[in-house]
């Protein structure tokens, strides 16, 4: 099932890359979301290196996201979780804190409280240095 989702998202990502910028109002937002979803699935399937690469690539374009700004803190959260799993705790904390403070940049976003709860939970599990 997960592999079918990966294939579906990869196909969508290819399609978005081929139509950008002509056929979508916000192609970069769509591209960012596909990278985020593919990264989450890659991490679930055990390919943390691919997930890290996808998230880093997406976040290089975070300033260009036009409408769906709430993707950005979710991407930082997922990156923080991956760093924590790898034992890179300072990187993990930095991305989790960025995601936590993102609400100061925008008024509110979809499922903000849920994400804040997950951030606090993850931060509490990271050992202090």
N, C-alpha and C. Protein backbone atom coordinates (compact mmCIF):
# COMPACT_ATOMS: atom_id res chain seq x y z
N UNK A 1 0.82 -1.20 0.00
CA UNK A 1 0.00 0.00 0.00
C UNK A 1 0.86 1.27 0.00
N UNK A 2 1.87 1.30 0.89
CA UNK A 2 2.73 2.48 0.96
C UNK A 2 3.48 2.68 -0.34
N UNK A 3 3.93 1.58 -0.95
CA UNK A 3 4.68 1.69 -2.20
C UNK A 3 3.79 2.25 -3.32
N UNK A 4 2.50 1.89 -3.31
CA UNK A 4 1.58 2.46 -4.29
C UNK A 4 1.44 3.96 -4.10
N UNK A 5 1.41 4.40 -2.84
CA UNK A 5 1.33 5.82 -2.56
C UNK A 5 2.58 6.54 -3.04
N UNK A 6 3.75 5.93 -2.81
CA UNK A 6 5.00 6.52 -3.28
C UNK A 6 4.95 6.71 -4.79
N UNK A 7 4.52 5.68 -5.50
CA UNK A 7 4.44 5.76 -6.96
C UNK A 7 3.46 6.84 -7.39
N UNK A 8 2.33 6.93 -6.74
CA UNK A 8 1.33 7.94 -7.07
C UNK A 8 1.90 9.35 -6.85
N UNK A 9 2.58 9.56 -5.74
CA UNK A 9 3.13 10.89 -5.45
C UNK A 9 4.28 11.21 -6.40
N UNK A 10 5.12 10.23 -6.70
CA UNK A 10 6.21 10.47 -7.66
C UNK A 10 5.65 10.84 -9.02
N UNK A 11 4.58 10.17 -9.45
CA UNK A 11 3.94 10.50 -10.72
C UNK A 11 3.38 11.93 -10.69
N UNK A 12 2.77 12.29 -9.58
CA UNK A 12 2.22 13.65 -9.44
C UNK A 12 3.34 14.68 -9.46
N UNK A 13 4.44 14.37 -8.80
CA UNK A 13 5.58 15.28 -8.76
C UNK A 13 6.13 15.48 -10.17
N UNK A 14 6.25 14.41 -10.93
CA UNK A 14 6.71 14.52 -12.31
C UNK A 14 5.76 15.37 -13.14
N UNK A 15 4.49 15.15 -12.95
CA UNK A 15 3.48 15.91 -13.68
C UNK A 15 3.56 17.39 -13.33
N UNK A 16 3.70 17.70 -12.05
CA UNK A 16 3.80 19.10 -11.61
C UNK A 16 5.04 19.75 -12.19
N UNK A 17 6.16 19.03 -12.18
CA UNK A 17 7.39 19.59 -12.72
C UNK A 17 7.28 19.85 -14.21
N UNK A 18 6.50 19.03 -14.92
CA UNK A 18 6.34 19.21 -16.35
C UNK A 18 5.38 20.34 -16.71
N UNK A 19 4.43 20.65 -15.85
CA UNK A 19 3.46 21.70 -16.17
C UNK A 19 3.82 23.06 -15.59
N UNK A 20 4.73 23.07 -14.66
CA UNK A 20 5.09 24.32 -14.00
C UNK A 20 5.67 25.28 -15.01
N UNK A 21 5.38 26.50 -15.06
CA UNK A 21 4.39 27.25 -14.28
C UNK A 21 3.11 27.52 -15.05
N UNK A 22 2.82 26.76 -16.06
CA UNK A 22 1.78 27.14 -17.00
C UNK A 22 0.36 26.73 -16.65
N UNK A 23 0.16 25.62 -15.96
CA UNK A 23 -1.20 25.09 -15.82
C UNK A 23 -1.72 25.04 -14.39
N UNK A 24 -1.02 25.63 -13.48
CA UNK A 24 -1.46 25.62 -12.09
C UNK A 24 -1.28 27.02 -11.53
N UNK A 25 -2.20 27.43 -10.69
CA UNK A 25 -2.07 28.75 -10.09
C UNK A 25 -0.88 28.82 -9.14
N UNK A 26 -0.62 27.74 -8.45
CA UNK A 26 0.46 27.73 -7.44
C UNK A 26 1.27 26.44 -7.56
N UNK A 27 2.01 26.31 -8.66
CA UNK A 27 2.73 25.05 -8.88
C UNK A 27 3.81 24.78 -7.83
N UNK A 28 4.43 25.80 -7.29
CA UNK A 28 5.47 25.55 -6.30
C UNK A 28 4.87 25.00 -5.01
N UNK A 29 3.69 25.45 -4.65
CA UNK A 29 3.01 24.90 -3.48
C UNK A 29 2.74 23.41 -3.69
N UNK A 30 2.27 23.05 -4.89
CA UNK A 30 1.99 21.65 -5.21
C UNK A 30 3.28 20.84 -5.17
N UNK A 31 4.33 21.38 -5.74
CA UNK A 31 5.64 20.71 -5.75
C UNK A 31 6.15 20.50 -4.33
N UNK A 32 6.02 21.53 -3.49
CA UNK A 32 6.46 21.44 -2.10
C UNK A 32 5.70 20.33 -1.38
N UNK A 33 4.38 20.30 -1.55
CA UNK A 33 3.56 19.27 -0.90
C UNK A 33 3.94 17.87 -1.37
N UNK A 34 4.16 17.69 -2.65
CA UNK A 34 4.56 16.36 -3.15
C UNK A 34 5.88 15.93 -2.54
N UNK A 35 6.83 16.84 -2.44
CA UNK A 35 8.12 16.50 -1.82
C UNK A 35 7.94 16.16 -0.34
N UNK A 36 7.10 16.91 0.34
CA UNK A 36 6.83 16.64 1.76
C UNK A 36 6.20 15.26 1.94
N UNK A 37 5.18 14.96 1.16
CA UNK A 37 4.51 13.66 1.27
C UNK A 37 5.44 12.51 0.91
N UNK A 38 6.20 12.70 -0.15
CA UNK A 38 7.14 11.65 -0.55
C UNK A 38 8.21 11.44 0.51
N UNK A 39 8.64 12.51 1.15
CA UNK A 39 9.63 12.39 2.23
C UNK A 39 9.07 11.61 3.41
N UNK A 40 7.85 11.90 3.80
CA UNK A 40 7.22 11.20 4.92
C UNK A 40 7.10 9.70 4.60
N UNK A 41 6.64 9.40 3.39
CA UNK A 41 6.52 7.99 3.00
C UNK A 41 7.88 7.32 2.91
N UNK A 42 8.87 8.01 2.38
CA UNK A 42 10.22 7.44 2.30
C UNK A 42 10.76 7.12 3.68
N UNK A 43 10.52 8.02 4.63
CA UNK A 43 10.98 7.79 6.00
C UNK A 43 10.26 6.57 6.59
N UNK A 44 8.97 6.46 6.34
CA UNK A 44 8.20 5.32 6.83
C UNK A 44 8.68 4.01 6.23
N UNK A 45 9.14 4.07 4.99
CA UNK A 45 9.64 2.87 4.32
C UNK A 45 11.10 2.58 4.65
N UNK A 46 11.69 3.42 5.51
CA UNK A 46 13.05 3.18 5.98
C UNK A 46 14.15 3.87 5.21
N UNK A 47 13.80 4.69 4.24
CA UNK A 47 14.82 5.39 3.45
C UNK A 47 14.99 6.82 3.97
N UNK A 48 15.66 6.94 5.12
CA UNK A 48 15.82 8.24 5.76
C UNK A 48 16.67 9.19 4.94
N UNK A 49 17.68 8.68 4.25
CA UNK A 49 18.53 9.56 3.44
C UNK A 49 17.73 10.22 2.32
N UNK A 50 16.87 9.45 1.67
CA UNK A 50 16.03 10.02 0.61
C UNK A 50 15.05 11.03 1.19
N UNK A 51 14.48 10.70 2.34
CA UNK A 51 13.55 11.62 3.00
C UNK A 51 14.24 12.94 3.35
N UNK A 52 15.44 12.85 3.90
CA UNK A 52 16.19 14.07 4.23
C UNK A 52 16.47 14.90 2.99
N UNK A 53 16.86 14.25 1.93
CA UNK A 53 17.15 14.95 0.69
C UNK A 53 15.91 15.67 0.15
N UNK A 54 14.77 14.99 0.17
CA UNK A 54 13.53 15.60 -0.32
C UNK A 54 13.12 16.80 0.52
N UNK A 55 13.23 16.67 1.84
CA UNK A 55 12.85 17.78 2.71
C UNK A 55 13.79 18.97 2.54
N UNK A 56 15.08 18.70 2.46
CA UNK A 56 16.04 19.79 2.25
C UNK A 56 15.77 20.50 0.94
N UNK A 57 15.50 19.73 -0.11
CA UNK A 57 15.21 20.31 -1.41
C UNK A 57 13.95 21.19 -1.35
N UNK A 58 12.92 20.69 -0.73
CA UNK A 58 11.67 21.46 -0.61
C UNK A 58 11.90 22.74 0.19
N UNK A 59 12.61 22.62 1.31
CA UNK A 59 12.77 23.78 2.18
C UNK A 59 13.68 24.85 1.58
N UNK A 60 14.45 24.51 0.57
CA UNK A 60 15.23 25.54 -0.12
C UNK A 60 14.31 26.53 -0.83
N UNK A 61 13.08 26.11 -1.09
CA UNK A 61 12.11 26.95 -1.79
C UNK A 61 11.02 27.48 -0.88
N UNK A 62 11.20 27.39 0.43
CA UNK A 62 10.11 27.77 1.33
C UNK A 62 9.70 29.23 1.19
N UNK A 63 10.61 30.10 0.83
CA UNK A 63 10.26 31.52 0.67
C UNK A 63 9.37 31.77 -0.54
N UNK A 64 9.29 30.80 -1.44
CA UNK A 64 8.50 30.96 -2.65
C UNK A 64 7.11 30.34 -2.56
N UNK A 65 6.80 29.68 -1.44
CA UNK A 65 5.46 29.13 -1.27
C UNK A 65 4.49 30.31 -1.19
N UNK A 66 3.44 30.24 -2.01
CA UNK A 66 2.57 31.41 -2.15
C UNK A 66 1.31 31.36 -1.29
N UNK A 67 0.69 30.21 -1.16
CA UNK A 67 -0.60 30.14 -0.49
C UNK A 67 -0.57 29.20 0.71
N UNK A 68 -0.09 28.01 0.49
CA UNK A 68 -0.17 26.95 1.51
C UNK A 68 1.04 26.98 2.44
N UNK A 69 1.17 28.06 3.17
CA UNK A 69 2.33 28.26 4.04
C UNK A 69 2.43 27.22 5.16
N UNK A 70 1.33 26.59 5.49
CA UNK A 70 1.37 25.61 6.59
C UNK A 70 2.17 24.36 6.22
N UNK A 71 2.50 24.17 4.95
CA UNK A 71 3.38 23.05 4.58
C UNK A 71 4.76 23.23 5.21
N UNK A 72 5.17 24.47 5.35
CA UNK A 72 6.54 24.77 5.81
C UNK A 72 6.80 24.26 7.22
N UNK A 73 5.97 24.57 8.22
CA UNK A 73 6.27 24.03 9.55
C UNK A 73 6.17 22.51 9.60
N UNK A 74 5.30 21.92 8.80
CA UNK A 74 5.22 20.46 8.75
C UNK A 74 6.51 19.87 8.21
N UNK A 75 7.08 20.50 7.19
CA UNK A 75 8.35 20.01 6.63
C UNK A 75 9.47 20.14 7.66
N UNK A 76 9.51 21.27 8.37
CA UNK A 76 10.53 21.44 9.41
C UNK A 76 10.34 20.42 10.53
N UNK A 77 9.10 20.14 10.88
CA UNK A 77 8.83 19.13 11.91
C UNK A 77 9.36 17.77 11.46
N UNK A 78 9.02 17.37 10.25
CA UNK A 78 9.46 16.06 9.75
C UNK A 78 10.98 15.99 9.67
N UNK A 79 11.61 17.09 9.29
CA UNK A 79 13.07 17.12 9.24
C UNK A 79 13.65 17.00 10.64
N UNK A 80 13.03 17.67 11.60
CA UNK A 80 13.47 17.57 12.99
C UNK A 80 13.35 16.16 13.53
N UNK A 81 12.27 15.49 13.20
CA UNK A 81 12.08 14.10 13.63
C UNK A 81 13.15 13.20 13.04
N UNK A 82 13.44 13.39 11.76
CA UNK A 82 14.47 12.57 11.13
C UNK A 82 15.84 12.80 11.77
N UNK A 83 16.16 14.06 12.02
CA UNK A 83 17.44 14.35 12.68
C UNK A 83 17.49 13.72 14.07
N UNK A 84 16.40 13.77 14.80
CA UNK A 84 16.36 13.16 16.13
C UNK A 84 16.60 11.66 16.05
N UNK A 85 16.00 11.01 15.08
CA UNK A 85 16.19 9.57 14.91
C UNK A 85 17.64 9.23 14.57
N UNK A 86 18.32 10.16 13.92
CA UNK A 86 19.72 9.94 13.55
C UNK A 86 20.68 10.35 14.66
N UNK A 87 20.14 10.88 15.76
CA UNK A 87 20.98 11.30 16.87
C UNK A 87 21.59 12.67 16.70
N UNK A 88 21.14 13.41 15.70
CA UNK A 88 21.63 14.77 15.44
C UNK A 88 20.69 15.75 16.16
N UNK A 89 20.85 15.80 17.48
CA UNK A 89 19.88 16.47 18.33
C UNK A 89 19.87 18.00 18.18
N UNK A 90 21.01 18.61 17.95
CA UNK A 90 20.99 20.08 17.79
C UNK A 90 20.26 20.47 16.51
N UNK A 91 20.48 19.71 15.43
CA UNK A 91 19.73 19.97 14.19
C UNK A 91 18.24 19.72 14.40
N UNK A 92 17.94 18.65 15.12
CA UNK A 92 16.53 18.31 15.38
C UNK A 92 15.85 19.45 16.14
N UNK A 93 16.49 19.91 17.21
CA UNK A 93 15.91 21.00 18.01
C UNK A 93 15.71 22.26 17.17
N UNK A 94 16.69 22.58 16.34
CA UNK A 94 16.60 23.80 15.53
C UNK A 94 15.38 23.75 14.60
N UNK A 95 15.17 22.63 13.95
CA UNK A 95 14.02 22.53 13.02
C UNK A 95 12.70 22.46 13.77
N UNK A 96 12.69 21.78 14.89
CA UNK A 96 11.46 21.71 15.68
C UNK A 96 11.09 23.08 16.25
N UNK A 97 12.07 23.81 16.70
CA UNK A 97 11.79 25.17 17.23
C UNK A 97 11.33 26.11 16.12
N UNK A 98 11.93 25.97 14.94
CA UNK A 98 11.50 26.79 13.81
C UNK A 98 10.03 26.50 13.50
N UNK A 99 9.68 25.22 13.48
CA UNK A 99 8.29 24.84 13.21
C UNK A 99 7.36 25.38 14.30
N UNK A 100 7.83 25.31 15.54
CA UNK A 100 7.03 25.79 16.67
C UNK A 100 6.78 27.30 16.59
N UNK A 101 7.78 28.04 16.16
CA UNK A 101 7.66 29.51 16.12
C UNK A 101 7.09 30.03 14.81
N UNK A 102 6.77 29.13 13.91
CA UNK A 102 6.26 29.54 12.60
C UNK A 102 4.96 30.33 12.71
N UNK A 103 4.16 30.03 13.73
CA UNK A 103 2.88 30.72 13.87
C UNK A 103 3.04 32.21 14.12
N UNK A 104 4.24 32.65 14.47
CA UNK A 104 4.49 34.08 14.62
C UNK A 104 4.66 34.77 13.26
N UNK A 105 4.92 33.98 12.22
CA UNK A 105 5.09 34.53 10.88
C UNK A 105 3.77 34.65 10.13
N UNK A 106 2.85 33.75 10.42
CA UNK A 106 1.53 33.77 9.78
C UNK A 106 0.47 33.72 10.87
N UNK A 107 -0.74 34.13 10.54
CA UNK A 107 -1.79 34.19 11.57
C UNK A 107 -2.11 32.83 12.15
N UNK A 108 -2.53 31.92 11.34
CA UNK A 108 -2.81 30.55 11.78
C UNK A 108 -2.82 29.67 10.54
N UNK A 109 -2.75 28.38 10.76
CA UNK A 109 -2.73 27.47 9.63
C UNK A 109 -3.44 26.18 10.01
N UNK A 110 -3.71 25.40 8.99
CA UNK A 110 -4.48 24.18 9.17
C UNK A 110 -3.79 23.22 10.14
N UNK A 111 -4.53 22.74 11.10
CA UNK A 111 -4.08 21.77 12.09
C UNK A 111 -2.87 22.26 12.90
N UNK A 112 -2.82 23.55 13.14
CA UNK A 112 -1.71 24.14 13.89
C UNK A 112 -1.57 23.54 15.28
N UNK A 113 -2.67 23.41 16.00
CA UNK A 113 -2.60 22.87 17.36
C UNK A 113 -2.10 21.44 17.39
N UNK A 114 -2.51 20.65 16.41
CA UNK A 114 -2.04 19.27 16.33
C UNK A 114 -0.53 19.23 16.14
N UNK A 115 -0.05 20.07 15.25
CA UNK A 115 1.39 20.10 15.00
C UNK A 115 2.15 20.58 16.23
N UNK A 116 1.64 21.61 16.90
CA UNK A 116 2.31 22.11 18.10
C UNK A 116 2.39 21.03 19.18
N UNK A 117 1.35 20.24 19.31
CA UNK A 117 1.37 19.14 20.27
C UNK A 117 2.46 18.14 19.91
N UNK A 118 2.55 17.78 18.63
CA UNK A 118 3.57 16.84 18.18
C UNK A 118 4.98 17.41 18.37
N UNK A 119 5.14 18.70 18.15
CA UNK A 119 6.44 19.34 18.33
C UNK A 119 6.86 19.26 19.80
N UNK A 120 5.96 19.65 20.71
CA UNK A 120 6.27 19.60 22.14
C UNK A 120 6.60 18.18 22.58
N UNK A 121 5.84 17.22 22.08
CA UNK A 121 6.08 15.83 22.43
C UNK A 121 7.46 15.38 21.96
N UNK A 122 7.81 15.72 20.75
CA UNK A 122 9.11 15.32 20.19
C UNK A 122 10.24 16.03 20.91
N UNK A 123 10.08 17.32 21.18
CA UNK A 123 11.14 18.05 21.90
C UNK A 123 11.38 17.46 23.29
N UNK A 124 10.32 17.01 23.93
CA UNK A 124 10.48 16.45 25.28
C UNK A 124 11.22 15.11 25.28
N UNK A 125 11.26 14.45 24.13
CA UNK A 125 11.94 13.17 24.01
C UNK A 125 13.41 13.31 23.63
N UNK A 126 13.82 14.50 23.20
CA UNK A 126 15.21 14.71 22.79
C UNK A 126 16.05 15.02 24.03
N UNK A 127 17.14 14.28 24.22
CA UNK A 127 17.98 14.53 25.40
C UNK A 127 18.65 15.91 25.32
N UNK A 128 18.76 16.55 26.48
CA UNK A 128 19.45 17.83 26.55
C UNK A 128 20.96 17.57 26.48
N UNK A 129 21.66 18.52 25.91
CA UNK A 129 23.11 18.37 25.81
C UNK A 129 23.82 19.08 26.93
